[in-house]
Amino acid sequence: MRKKIVVGSLFVLILLLLIQSIPAIQTNVVKDKIYQEEKLNAGKNYIRHKIIYINGNDKFTNKNGVIGGKGTENDPYIISGWKLNGIFWKRITRNIERVMNLFEETIIQIILLPFWIFIRPTAFTIVNTDKHVIIRDNIFKNWEGRSAHCRNVKNISFENNIFSGNGDAIKLENVNNVTIDSNTFSVHGWGIRLYNSNNTNIRNNTFDSCYLPIANNGKNTYIEKNIMENCKGGIENFKLDTDYCSNVYIRGNKFSGMIPDYFYLIAFWDVKGDSIVEDSYIYDCNFHFVSGIHFLYTNNLVIIRNNTFENTKGYTIIGKKGLIENNTLNNCDIAIKAEKSTIQYNHIKSCSVGVVVEGPCYITNNYIENNNMGIGCYWPSGSNPIILNNIIENNGMGIYCIEDSKAQVHYNSISGNDWGFRYEGGRIINATMNWWGAKNGPSGEGPGHGDTVDADIDYDPWLNSPYT
């Protein structure tokens, strides 16, 4: 008898949930008339379409949204002009959540949990195809699960679509030759997920307020000229089980207002092949919870070059085995923290700390100015940098080393700093052949009127003028 009551009650609850969701359908019809007036850049009207599921090449039909093309490289299938709105399923999901909250820690909550998990359909699914297809000028809205899912697919493009809602936008599994171009992502979940996919071009897209715009476990991935704003993460490149991520090229992107709280702005985790971040602009970002560009746990060289970082909080660049060159870092908390890296031709200014050395590094031809501290060697067991031919001027402290550091400091221009070279240790540091801002050498433990040096710094001989 009790079992019948529980089953009957559950039936009534589900019926009520469905009835409560009916207004969403009616509202959706009214909204359709409004959306018909909206237009994408191509000028197409949006026409409401039901869920699309394509499994195999023979399912590219009008019923599944195909409006033209033959599936060839020169004449691809076109799926365009549709609006797929998941408001009905969203309403059901939210109603189930409300009931589960009302009956927390009861049998009803346990029974409803599978419904809440699995009643999250995907708007657009395409699997097991190799025809050329372009998904263009569509709206994907209000999907609690994901908007698009592609698996075992070749030759697919997403162009000029709008993705918005609470779920994920695009998930790609075992996909080859993909282009994701000029789309708008405004989802509270993940923007693009790549799993074991090859030859993917992600370019000219806008990501606004996404939890994580791009998660990449692909090979030969090009992420270029995208705009990411107000997101909780940026671009994660990672190994998944035995599937390695390899050859990642991140170029010409803009990041602003980013506040990563679990994911990083850009991270490389055990990535093989090329890992390059270049020609990008990162500004007004807060990295207090996690760092900006992070590559501590990857075995290959990471190249970070020709980027501009402005007004960032926390660690901006942190990593091991990097080539960090020709970047501008302005008004950052900690600009660079590195080990086993080459740091060269950068302009680092108005930061709390310019460069923090955690292991052997080659620091050369940088212009380091107006920071609270220029270069800091904090870890005695490994802070053995070669500091060569840099301009280190007008900082609160030019160079700082703690006990047992084995820094080699030569041919630098160290001048105008409140303290030229501070050293807290007993080992003699070789700092010969530097310009200290005065012909008669450094002051402090030195004999001249130049920047101050501490004891145990071997400064003699020094340069009589800046090294050129």
Protein backbone atom coordinates (compact mmCIF):
# COMPACT_ATOMS: atom_id res chain seq x y z
CA MET A 1 0.00 0.00 0.00
CA ARG A 2 2.80 2.43 0.93
CA LYS A 3 4.56 1.69 -2.36
CA LYS A 4 1.40 2.55 -4.31
CA ILE A 5 1.08 5.84 -2.42
CA VAL A 6 4.71 6.80 -3.22
CA VAL A 7 4.34 5.87 -6.89
CA GLY A 8 1.03 7.72 -7.12
CA SER A 9 2.49 10.79 -5.47
CA LEU A 10 5.46 10.74 -7.82
CA PHE A 11 3.11 10.50 -10.82
CA VAL A 12 1.12 13.49 -9.60
CA LEU A 13 4.30 15.50 -9.03
CA ILE A 14 5.60 14.79 -12.53
CA LEU A 15 2.19 15.66 -13.99
CA LEU A 16 2.21 18.96 -12.12
CA LEU A 17 5.68 19.70 -13.37
CA LEU A 18 4.57 19.17 -16.96
CA ILE A 19 1.47 21.31 -16.49
CA GLN A 20 3.55 24.12 -14.97
CA SER A 21 5.84 23.97 -17.99
CA ILE A 22 3.02 24.47 -20.52
CA PRO A 23 3.04 28.30 -20.12
CA ALA A 24 6.66 28.19 -21.23
CA ILE A 25 5.52 26.75 -24.58
CA GLN A 26 2.83 29.39 -24.96
CA THR A 27 5.26 32.15 -24.01
CA ASN A 28 7.77 30.70 -26.43
CA VAL A 29 5.29 31.01 -29.31
CA VAL A 30 4.76 34.69 -28.50
CA LYS A 31 8.49 35.25 -28.24
CA ASP A 32 8.94 33.56 -31.60
CA LYS A 33 7.16 36.49 -33.25
CA ILE A 34 9.65 38.83 -31.61
CA TYR A 35 12.65 36.73 -32.56
CA GLN A 36 11.43 36.59 -36.14
CA GLU A 37 12.26 40.30 -36.29
CA GLU A 38 15.78 39.76 -34.96
CA LYS A 39 18.49 39.26 -37.54
CA LEU A 40 22.04 38.04 -37.54
CA ASN A 41 24.71 39.74 -39.59
CA ALA A 42 23.70 37.69 -42.62
CA GLY A 43 20.19 39.15 -42.38
CA LYS A 44 18.33 35.86 -41.86
CA ASN A 45 15.13 35.58 -39.87
CA TYR A 46 15.09 32.99 -37.11
CA ILE A 47 12.50 30.26 -37.51
CA ARG A 48 11.74 27.99 -34.61
CA HIS A 49 12.97 24.42 -34.99
CA LYS A 50 12.67 21.36 -32.81
CA ILE A 51 15.66 19.37 -31.53
CA ILE A 52 17.94 18.21 -34.37
CA TYR A 53 19.60 14.79 -34.30
CA ILE A 54 21.74 13.66 -37.24
CA ASN A 55 23.29 10.17 -37.11
CA GLY A 56 25.03 9.27 -40.35
CA ASN A 57 25.44 10.93 -43.74
CA ASP A 58 21.96 9.95 -44.90
CA LYS A 59 20.33 12.06 -42.16
CA PHE A 60 21.24 15.40 -43.70
CA THR A 61 17.64 16.17 -44.64
CA ASN A 62 15.25 19.11 -44.70
CA LYS A 63 13.58 17.66 -41.63
CA ASN A 64 16.89 18.04 -39.78
CA GLY A 65 17.31 21.67 -40.78
CA VAL A 66 19.35 21.33 -43.99
CA ILE A 67 18.40 24.15 -46.37
CA GLY A 68 20.93 23.50 -49.15
CA GLY A 69 24.18 22.00 -50.35
CA LYS A 70 25.39 18.55 -51.39
CA GLY A 71 27.84 17.78 -48.58
CA THR A 72 30.98 18.30 -50.68
CA GLU A 73 33.91 20.58 -49.94
CA ASN A 74 32.82 23.04 -52.63
CA ASP A 75 29.09 22.71 -51.89
CA PRO A 76 28.65 21.85 -48.19
CA TYR A 77 25.36 21.17 -46.49
CA ILE A 78 23.96 24.34 -44.90
CA ILE A 79 21.95 24.35 -41.67
CA SER A 80 20.93 27.96 -41.17
CA GLY A 81 18.32 30.39 -39.94
CA TRP A 82 16.91 28.32 -37.06
CA LYS A 83 16.15 29.14 -33.46
CA LEU A 84 16.35 26.21 -31.07
CA ASN A 85 14.95 27.29 -27.72
CA GLY A 86 15.12 24.96 -24.71
CA ILE A 87 12.85 26.99 -22.46
CA PHE A 88 10.38 24.11 -22.09
CA TRP A 89 13.06 21.74 -20.82
CA LYS A 90 14.55 24.48 -18.70
CA ARG A 91 11.19 25.06 -17.01
CA ILE A 92 10.84 21.34 -16.23
CA THR A 93 14.35 21.21 -14.82
CA ARG A 94 13.78 24.22 -12.59
CA ASN A 95 10.48 22.84 -11.34
CA ILE A 96 12.13 19.54 -10.45
CA GLU A 97 14.78 21.51 -8.56
CA ARG A 98 12.10 23.31 -6.57
CA VAL A 99 10.38 20.06 -5.61
CA MET A 100 13.70 18.45 -4.67
CA ASN A 101 14.46 21.41 -2.41
CA LEU A 102 11.05 21.09 -0.76
CA PHE A 103 11.60 17.37 -0.08
CA GLU A 104 15.28 17.52 0.76
CA GLU A 105 16.76 14.27 2.14
CA THR A 106 13.59 12.28 1.43
CA ILE A 107 12.71 9.42 -0.89
CA ILE A 108 11.06 11.90 -3.26
CA GLN A 109 14.32 13.77 -3.73
CA ILE A 110 16.13 10.50 -4.45
CA ILE A 111 13.49 9.46 -7.00
CA LEU A 112 13.54 12.83 -8.77
CA LEU A 113 17.32 13.06 -8.95
CA PRO A 114 17.70 10.89 -12.09
CA PHE A 115 15.00 12.95 -13.84
CA TRP A 116 16.87 16.16 -12.94
CA ILE A 117 20.14 14.74 -14.28
CA PHE A 118 18.91 13.20 -17.53
CA ILE A 119 16.10 15.53 -18.59
CA ARG A 120 18.63 17.92 -20.14
CA PRO A 121 18.48 17.26 -23.89
CA THR A 122 20.93 18.60 -26.47
CA ALA A 123 19.57 21.02 -29.06
CA PHE A 124 21.75 19.91 -31.97
CA THR A 125 23.51 16.53 -32.23
CA ILE A 126 25.54 15.22 -35.15
CA VAL A 127 27.38 11.88 -35.02
CA ASN A 128 29.15 9.52 -37.41
CA THR A 129 29.40 11.75 -40.48
CA ASP A 130 32.17 12.85 -42.83
CA LYS A 131 30.23 15.14 -45.16
CA HIS A 132 31.09 18.84 -45.26
CA VAL A 133 28.54 20.86 -43.30
CA ILE A 134 28.20 24.46 -42.12
CA ILE A 135 25.97 25.38 -39.17
CA ARG A 136 25.46 29.10 -39.71
CA ASP A 137 23.28 31.96 -38.44
CA ASN A 138 21.31 30.06 -35.79
CA ILE A 139 20.25 30.80 -32.22
CA PHE A 140 20.73 28.23 -29.44
CA LYS A 141 19.02 29.50 -26.30
CA ASN A 142 18.08 28.28 -22.81
CA TRP A 143 19.57 24.78 -23.00
CA GLU A 144 20.35 23.39 -19.56
CA GLY A 145 22.46 20.55 -20.96
CA ARG A 146 24.39 21.60 -24.05
CA SER A 147 23.49 23.36 -27.26
CA ALA A 148 25.54 21.30 -29.74
CA HIS A 149 27.30 17.94 -29.55
CA CYS A 150 29.44 16.44 -32.33
CA ARG A 151 30.99 12.97 -32.12
CA ASN A 152 32.95 11.00 -34.73
CA VAL A 153 32.49 13.81 -37.25
CA LYS A 154 34.71 15.32 -39.95
CA ASN A 155 34.52 18.59 -41.86
CA ILE A 156 32.15 20.71 -39.78
CA SER A 157 31.93 24.48 -39.27
CA PHE A 158 30.00 26.63 -36.80
CA GLU A 159 29.72 30.19 -38.09
CA ASN A 160 27.96 33.29 -36.79
CA ASN A 161 25.70 31.49 -34.32
CA ILE A 162 24.46 32.76 -30.97
CA PHE A 163 24.72 30.50 -27.91
CA SER A 164 23.13 31.64 -24.66
CA GLY A 165 21.81 29.96 -21.52
CA ASN A 166 22.96 28.01 -18.50
CA GLY A 167 24.46 24.89 -20.05
CA ASP A 168 27.46 24.24 -22.27
CA ALA A 169 27.58 25.46 -25.87
CA ILE A 170 29.61 23.06 -28.06
CA LYS A 171 31.13 19.68 -27.22
CA LEU A 172 33.36 17.98 -29.81
CA GLU A 173 34.53 14.37 -29.46
CA ASN A 174 36.75 12.58 -31.98
CA VAL A 175 36.16 15.33 -34.51
CA ASN A 176 38.51 16.23 -37.37
CA ASN A 177 38.76 19.44 -39.43
CA VAL A 178 36.59 21.82 -37.41
CA THR A 179 36.10 25.57 -37.78
CA ILE A 180 34.35 27.64 -35.10
CA ASP A 181 34.24 31.19 -36.44
CA SER A 182 32.51 34.45 -35.49
CA ASN A 183 30.07 33.00 -32.95
CA THR A 184 28.78 34.65 -29.79
CA PHE A 185 28.92 32.65 -26.55
CA SER A 186 27.04 33.91 -23.55
CA VAL A 187 26.63 30.72 -21.52
CA HIS A 188 27.07 30.12 -17.81
CA GLY A 189 28.68 26.75 -18.50
CA TRP A 190 31.57 25.86 -20.81
CA GLY A 191 31.84 27.45 -24.24
CA ILE A 192 33.74 24.88 -26.31
CA ARG A 193 34.93 21.44 -25.21
CA LEU A 194 37.40 19.56 -27.38
CA TYR A 195 38.11 15.90 -26.66
CA ASN A 196 40.58 13.97 -28.82
CA SER A 197 39.84 16.22 -31.79
CA ASN A 198 42.25 17.20 -34.55
CA ASN A 199 42.79 20.29 -36.70
CA THR A 200 40.45 22.74 -34.98
CA ASN A 201 40.31 26.46 -35.77
CA ILE A 202 38.60 28.63 -33.15
CA ARG A 203 38.66 32.25 -34.32
CA ASN A 204 36.87 35.60 -34.22
CA ASN A 205 34.43 34.47 -31.52
CA THR A 206 33.17 36.47 -28.55
CA PHE A 207 32.84 34.82 -25.12
CA ASP A 208 31.01 36.83 -22.48
CA SER A 209 30.51 35.72 -18.86
CA CYS A 210 31.23 32.06 -19.58
CA TYR A 211 32.45 29.78 -16.81
CA LEU A 212 35.18 28.37 -19.08
CA PRO A 213 35.31 29.52 -22.73
CA ILE A 214 37.57 26.76 -24.11
CA ALA A 215 38.63 23.35 -22.77
CA ASN A 216 41.11 21.75 -25.17
CA ASN A 217 42.19 18.11 -25.31
CA GLY A 218 42.83 18.30 -29.05
CA LYS A 219 45.72 18.13 -31.46
CA ASN A 220 46.69 21.01 -33.75
CA THR A 221 44.37 23.60 -32.23
CA TYR A 222 44.44 27.20 -33.43
CA ILE A 223 42.77 29.72 -31.11
CA GLU A 224 43.01 33.11 -32.79
CA LYS A 225 41.51 36.60 -32.60
CA ASN A 226 38.82 35.77 -30.04
CA ILE A 227 37.45 38.16 -27.42
CA MET A 228 36.88 36.88 -23.87
CA GLU A 229 35.24 39.13 -21.30
CA ASN A 230 34.10 38.68 -17.69
CA CYS A 231 34.66 34.91 -17.68
CA LYS A 232 35.63 32.65 -14.77
CA GLY A 233 38.34 30.96 -16.81
CA GLY A 234 39.95 31.18 -20.22
CA ILE A 235 41.69 28.40 -22.16
CA GLU A 236 42.61 25.10 -20.51
CA ASN A 237 44.86 22.72 -22.50
CA PHE A 238 45.15 19.31 -20.87
CA LYS A 239 45.86 15.61 -21.09
CA LEU A 240 42.84 13.34 -20.50
CA ASP A 241 43.68 9.76 -19.55
CA THR A 242 46.02 8.65 -22.36
CA ASP A 243 44.91 11.32 -24.84
CA TYR A 244 47.50 14.07 -25.06
CA CYS A 245 46.85 17.63 -26.07
CA SER A 246 49.48 18.77 -28.56
CA ASN A 247 50.39 21.73 -30.76
CA VAL A 248 48.35 24.62 -29.37
CA TYR A 249 48.61 28.04 -31.01
CA ILE A 250 46.94 30.91 -29.12
CA ARG A 251 47.31 34.13 -31.11
CA GLY A 252 45.86 37.61 -31.25
CA ASN A 253 43.20 37.16 -28.56
CA LYS A 254 41.83 39.79 -26.17
CA PHE A 255 41.01 39.07 -22.52
CA SER A 256 39.39 41.64 -20.24
CA GLY A 257 37.58 41.64 -16.91
CA MET A 258 38.50 37.99 -16.36
CA ILE A 259 38.21 36.67 -12.78
CA PRO A 260 39.39 33.03 -12.82
CA ASP A 261 38.42 31.29 -9.59
CA TYR A 262 39.15 27.64 -10.42
CA PHE A 263 40.43 27.51 -13.99
CA TYR A 264 43.31 29.65 -15.20
CA LEU A 265 43.32 32.34 -17.86
CA ILE A 266 45.52 30.09 -20.03
CA ALA A 267 46.92 26.80 -18.74
CA PHE A 268 49.05 24.03 -20.22
CA TRP A 269 48.85 20.64 -18.49
CA ASP A 270 51.22 17.99 -19.86
CA VAL A 271 50.92 19.33 -23.41
CA LYS A 272 53.13 17.91 -26.17
CA GLY A 273 54.54 19.66 -29.22
CA ASP A 274 54.20 23.43 -29.64
CA SER A 275 52.58 25.57 -26.94
CA ILE A 276 52.49 29.20 -28.04
CA VAL A 277 50.75 32.30 -26.68
CA GLU A 278 51.48 35.39 -28.77
CA ASP A 279 50.20 38.76 -29.96
CA SER A 280 47.43 38.83 -27.34
CA TYR A 281 46.14 41.62 -25.09
CA ILE A 282 45.27 40.86 -21.46
CA TYR A 283 43.96 43.71 -19.32
CA ASP A 284 41.90 44.46 -16.20
CA CYS A 285 42.03 40.83 -15.00
CA ASN A 286 42.10 39.52 -11.44
CA PHE A 287 44.30 36.47 -10.82
CA HIS A 288 44.17 36.50 -7.02
CA PHE A 289 42.59 33.03 -6.82
CA VAL A 290 44.63 31.39 -9.59
CA SER A 291 47.35 32.67 -11.89
CA GLY A 292 47.04 34.08 -15.40
CA ILE A 293 49.19 32.05 -17.81
CA HIS A 294 50.15 28.83 -16.05
CA PHE A 295 52.59 26.16 -17.28
CA LEU A 296 54.17 24.57 -14.22
CA TYR A 297 53.15 21.01 -15.11
CA THR A 298 54.04 20.52 -18.75
CA ASN A 299 57.21 18.93 -20.11
CA ASN A 300 57.62 20.84 -23.36
CA LEU A 301 58.77 24.39 -23.94
CA VAL A 302 56.01 27.01 -23.68
CA ILE A 303 56.53 30.18 -25.73
CA ILE A 304 54.94 33.43 -24.52
CA ARG A 305 55.83 36.36 -26.76
CA ASN A 306 54.67 39.70 -28.11
CA ASN A 307 51.79 39.99 -25.61
CA THR A 308 50.60 43.00 -23.61
CA PHE A 309 49.45 42.63 -19.99
CA GLU A 310 47.95 45.61 -18.18
CA ASN A 311 46.28 46.10 -14.79
CA THR A 312 46.37 42.49 -13.61
CA LYS A 313 46.17 41.23 -10.02
CA GLY A 314 48.02 38.18 -8.67
CA TYR A 315 50.55 36.13 -10.65
CA THR A 316 50.34 37.11 -14.32
CA ILE A 317 52.76 34.54 -15.80
CA ILE A 318 53.92 31.52 -13.81
CA GLY A 319 55.67 28.48 -15.20
CA LYS A 320 58.58 26.16 -15.81
CA LYS A 321 60.50 25.64 -19.08
CA GLY A 322 59.28 28.75 -20.85
CA LEU A 323 60.54 31.22 -23.41
CA ILE A 324 59.07 34.54 -22.27
CA GLU A 325 60.08 37.26 -24.69
CA ASN A 326 59.14 40.65 -26.05
CA ASN A 327 56.11 41.11 -23.79
CA THR A 328 54.91 44.30 -22.13
CA LEU A 329 53.74 43.94 -18.53
CA ASN A 330 52.37 47.15 -17.02
CA ASN A 331 50.82 47.65 -13.59
CA CYS A 332 50.71 43.97 -12.64
CA ASP A 333 51.04 42.51 -9.15
CA ILE A 334 53.65 39.85 -9.86
CA ALA A 335 54.52 39.99 -13.53
CA ILE A 336 56.60 36.81 -14.02
CA LYS A 337 57.42 33.88 -11.74
CA ALA A 338 59.52 31.26 -13.48
CA GLU A 339 62.09 28.50 -13.30
CA LYS A 340 64.20 26.84 -15.98
CA SER A 341 63.12 29.59 -18.37
CA THR A 342 64.55 32.25 -20.65
CA ILE A 343 63.14 35.73 -19.96
CA GLN A 344 64.28 38.25 -22.56
CA TYR A 345 63.42 41.50 -24.32
CA ASN A 346 60.43 42.22 -22.06
CA HIS A 347 59.34 45.64 -20.79
CA ILE A 348 58.19 45.30 -17.18
CA LYS A 349 57.00 48.46 -15.47
CA SER A 350 54.93 49.71 -12.53
CA CYS A 351 54.45 46.22 -11.04
CA SER A 352 54.75 45.08 -7.45
CA VAL A 353 57.38 42.56 -8.52
CA GLY A 354 58.83 42.33 -12.02
CA VAL A 355 60.45 38.86 -12.06
CA VAL A 356 60.44 36.21 -9.34
CA VAL A 357 63.03 33.46 -9.86
CA GLU A 358 62.17 30.03 -8.48
CA GLY A 359 64.88 28.07 -10.30
CA PRO A 360 67.65 28.47 -12.87
CA CYS A 361 66.70 31.16 -15.39
CA TYR A 362 68.39 33.23 -18.07
CA ILE A 363 67.24 36.86 -17.70
CA THR A 364 68.58 39.11 -20.40
CA ASN A 365 67.92 42.31 -22.37
CA ASN A 366 64.83 43.29 -20.36
CA TYR A 367 63.79 46.81 -19.42
CA ILE A 368 62.61 46.66 -15.81
CA GLU A 369 61.49 50.03 -14.41
CA ASN A 370 59.37 51.68 -11.72
CA ASN A 371 58.47 48.46 -9.91
CA ASN A 372 58.46 47.94 -6.16
CA MET A 373 60.99 45.20 -6.85
CA GLY A 374 62.71 44.49 -10.16
CA ILE A 375 64.05 40.94 -9.78
CA GLY A 376 63.63 38.72 -6.72
CA CYS A 377 65.49 35.43 -6.10
CA TYR A 378 63.54 33.89 -3.22
CA TRP A 379 64.23 30.15 -3.35
CA PRO A 380 67.81 29.43 -2.22
CA SER A 381 68.05 25.84 -3.45
CA GLY A 382 67.32 26.76 -7.04
CA SER A 383 67.41 30.51 -7.55
CA ASN A 384 70.55 30.51 -9.67
CA PRO A 385 69.74 32.91 -12.49
CA ILE A 386 72.05 34.51 -14.99
CA ILE A 387 71.05 38.19 -15.07
CA LEU A 388 72.71 39.74 -18.09
CA ASN A 389 72.49 43.03 -19.99
CA ASN A 390 69.22 44.33 -18.48
CA ILE A 391 68.17 47.89 -17.71
CA ILE A 392 66.97 47.87 -14.09
CA GLU A 393 66.14 51.41 -13.08
CA ASN A 394 63.91 53.52 -10.83
CA ASN A 395 62.60 50.55 -8.84
CA GLY A 396 62.12 50.44 -5.09
CA MET A 397 64.62 47.57 -5.07
CA GLY A 398 66.53 46.62 -8.20
CA ILE A 399 67.60 43.05 -7.34
CA TYR A 400 66.92 41.05 -4.20
CA CYS A 401 68.41 37.65 -3.32
CA ILE A 402 68.04 35.56 -0.20
CA GLU A 403 70.58 33.24 1.41
CA ASP A 404 72.56 30.79 -0.76
CA SER A 405 71.46 32.23 -4.06
CA LYS A 406 74.05 31.69 -6.81
CA ALA A 407 73.00 34.50 -9.12
CA GLN A 408 75.42 35.71 -11.80
CA VAL A 409 74.81 39.43 -12.49
CA HIS A 410 76.78 41.13 -15.28
CA TYR A 411 76.61 43.96 -17.86
CA ASN A 412 73.40 45.41 -16.44
CA SER A 413 72.48 49.05 -15.99
CA ILE A 414 71.34 49.25 -12.33
CA SER A 415 70.56 52.87 -11.54
CA GLY A 416 68.04 55.18 -9.95
CA ASN A 417 66.73 52.45 -7.62
CA ASP A 418 66.08 53.12 -3.95
CA TRP A 419 68.24 50.06 -3.31
CA GLY A 420 70.34 48.64 -6.12
CA PHE A 421 71.17 45.10 -4.93
CA ARG A 422 69.93 43.72 -1.62
CA TYR A 423 71.33 40.39 -0.45
CA GLU A 424 70.48 38.49 2.74
CA GLY A 425 73.02 35.67 2.82
CA GLY A 426 76.62 34.69 3.41
CA ARG A 427 77.67 33.45 -0.03
CA ILE A 428 79.62 35.84 -2.29
CA ILE A 429 77.52 36.83 -5.32
CA ASN A 430 79.33 37.66 -8.54
CA ALA A 431 77.98 41.03 -9.72
CA THR A 432 80.98 42.40 -11.56
CA MET A 433 80.91 44.51 -14.72
CA ASN A 434 77.64 46.36 -14.03
CA TRP A 435 76.82 50.06 -14.31
CA TRP A 436 75.61 51.35 -10.94
CA GLY A 437 74.65 54.87 -11.99
CA ALA A 438 77.95 56.51 -11.08
CA LYS A 439 81.48 56.29 -12.45
CA ASN A 440 82.90 55.73 -8.97
CA GLY A 441 80.77 52.61 -8.47
CA PRO A 442 77.96 51.60 -6.12
CA SER A 443 77.26 53.07 -2.70
CA GLY A 444 76.37 51.29 0.53
CA GLU A 445 79.05 48.63 0.87
CA GLY A 446 80.61 50.10 -2.28
CA PRO A 447 82.93 53.12 -2.51
CA GLY A 448 80.93 55.33 -4.85
CA HIS A 449 77.73 57.31 -5.26
CA GLY A 450 75.74 54.87 -7.40
CA ASP A 451 72.98 52.51 -6.33
CA THR A 452 73.31 50.83 -2.93
CA VAL A 453 74.73 47.30 -2.61
CA ASP A 454 74.89 44.99 0.39
CA ALA A 455 77.84 43.09 1.77
CA ASP A 456 78.97 39.83 0.13
CA ILE A 457 78.34 41.24 -3.34
CA ASP A 458 81.41 41.21 -5.55
CA TYR A 459 80.87 44.40 -7.58
CA ASP A 460 84.48 45.19 -8.56
CA PRO A 461 85.31 45.81 -11.37
CA TRP A 462 82.28 47.84 -12.43
CA LEU A 463 81.39 49.63 -15.65
CA ASN A 464 82.06 53.37 -15.99
CA SER A 465 78.98 53.86 -18.22
CA PRO A 466 75.88 51.89 -19.19
CA TYR A 467 76.67 48.81 -21.23
CA THR A 468 75.59 48.99 -24.86
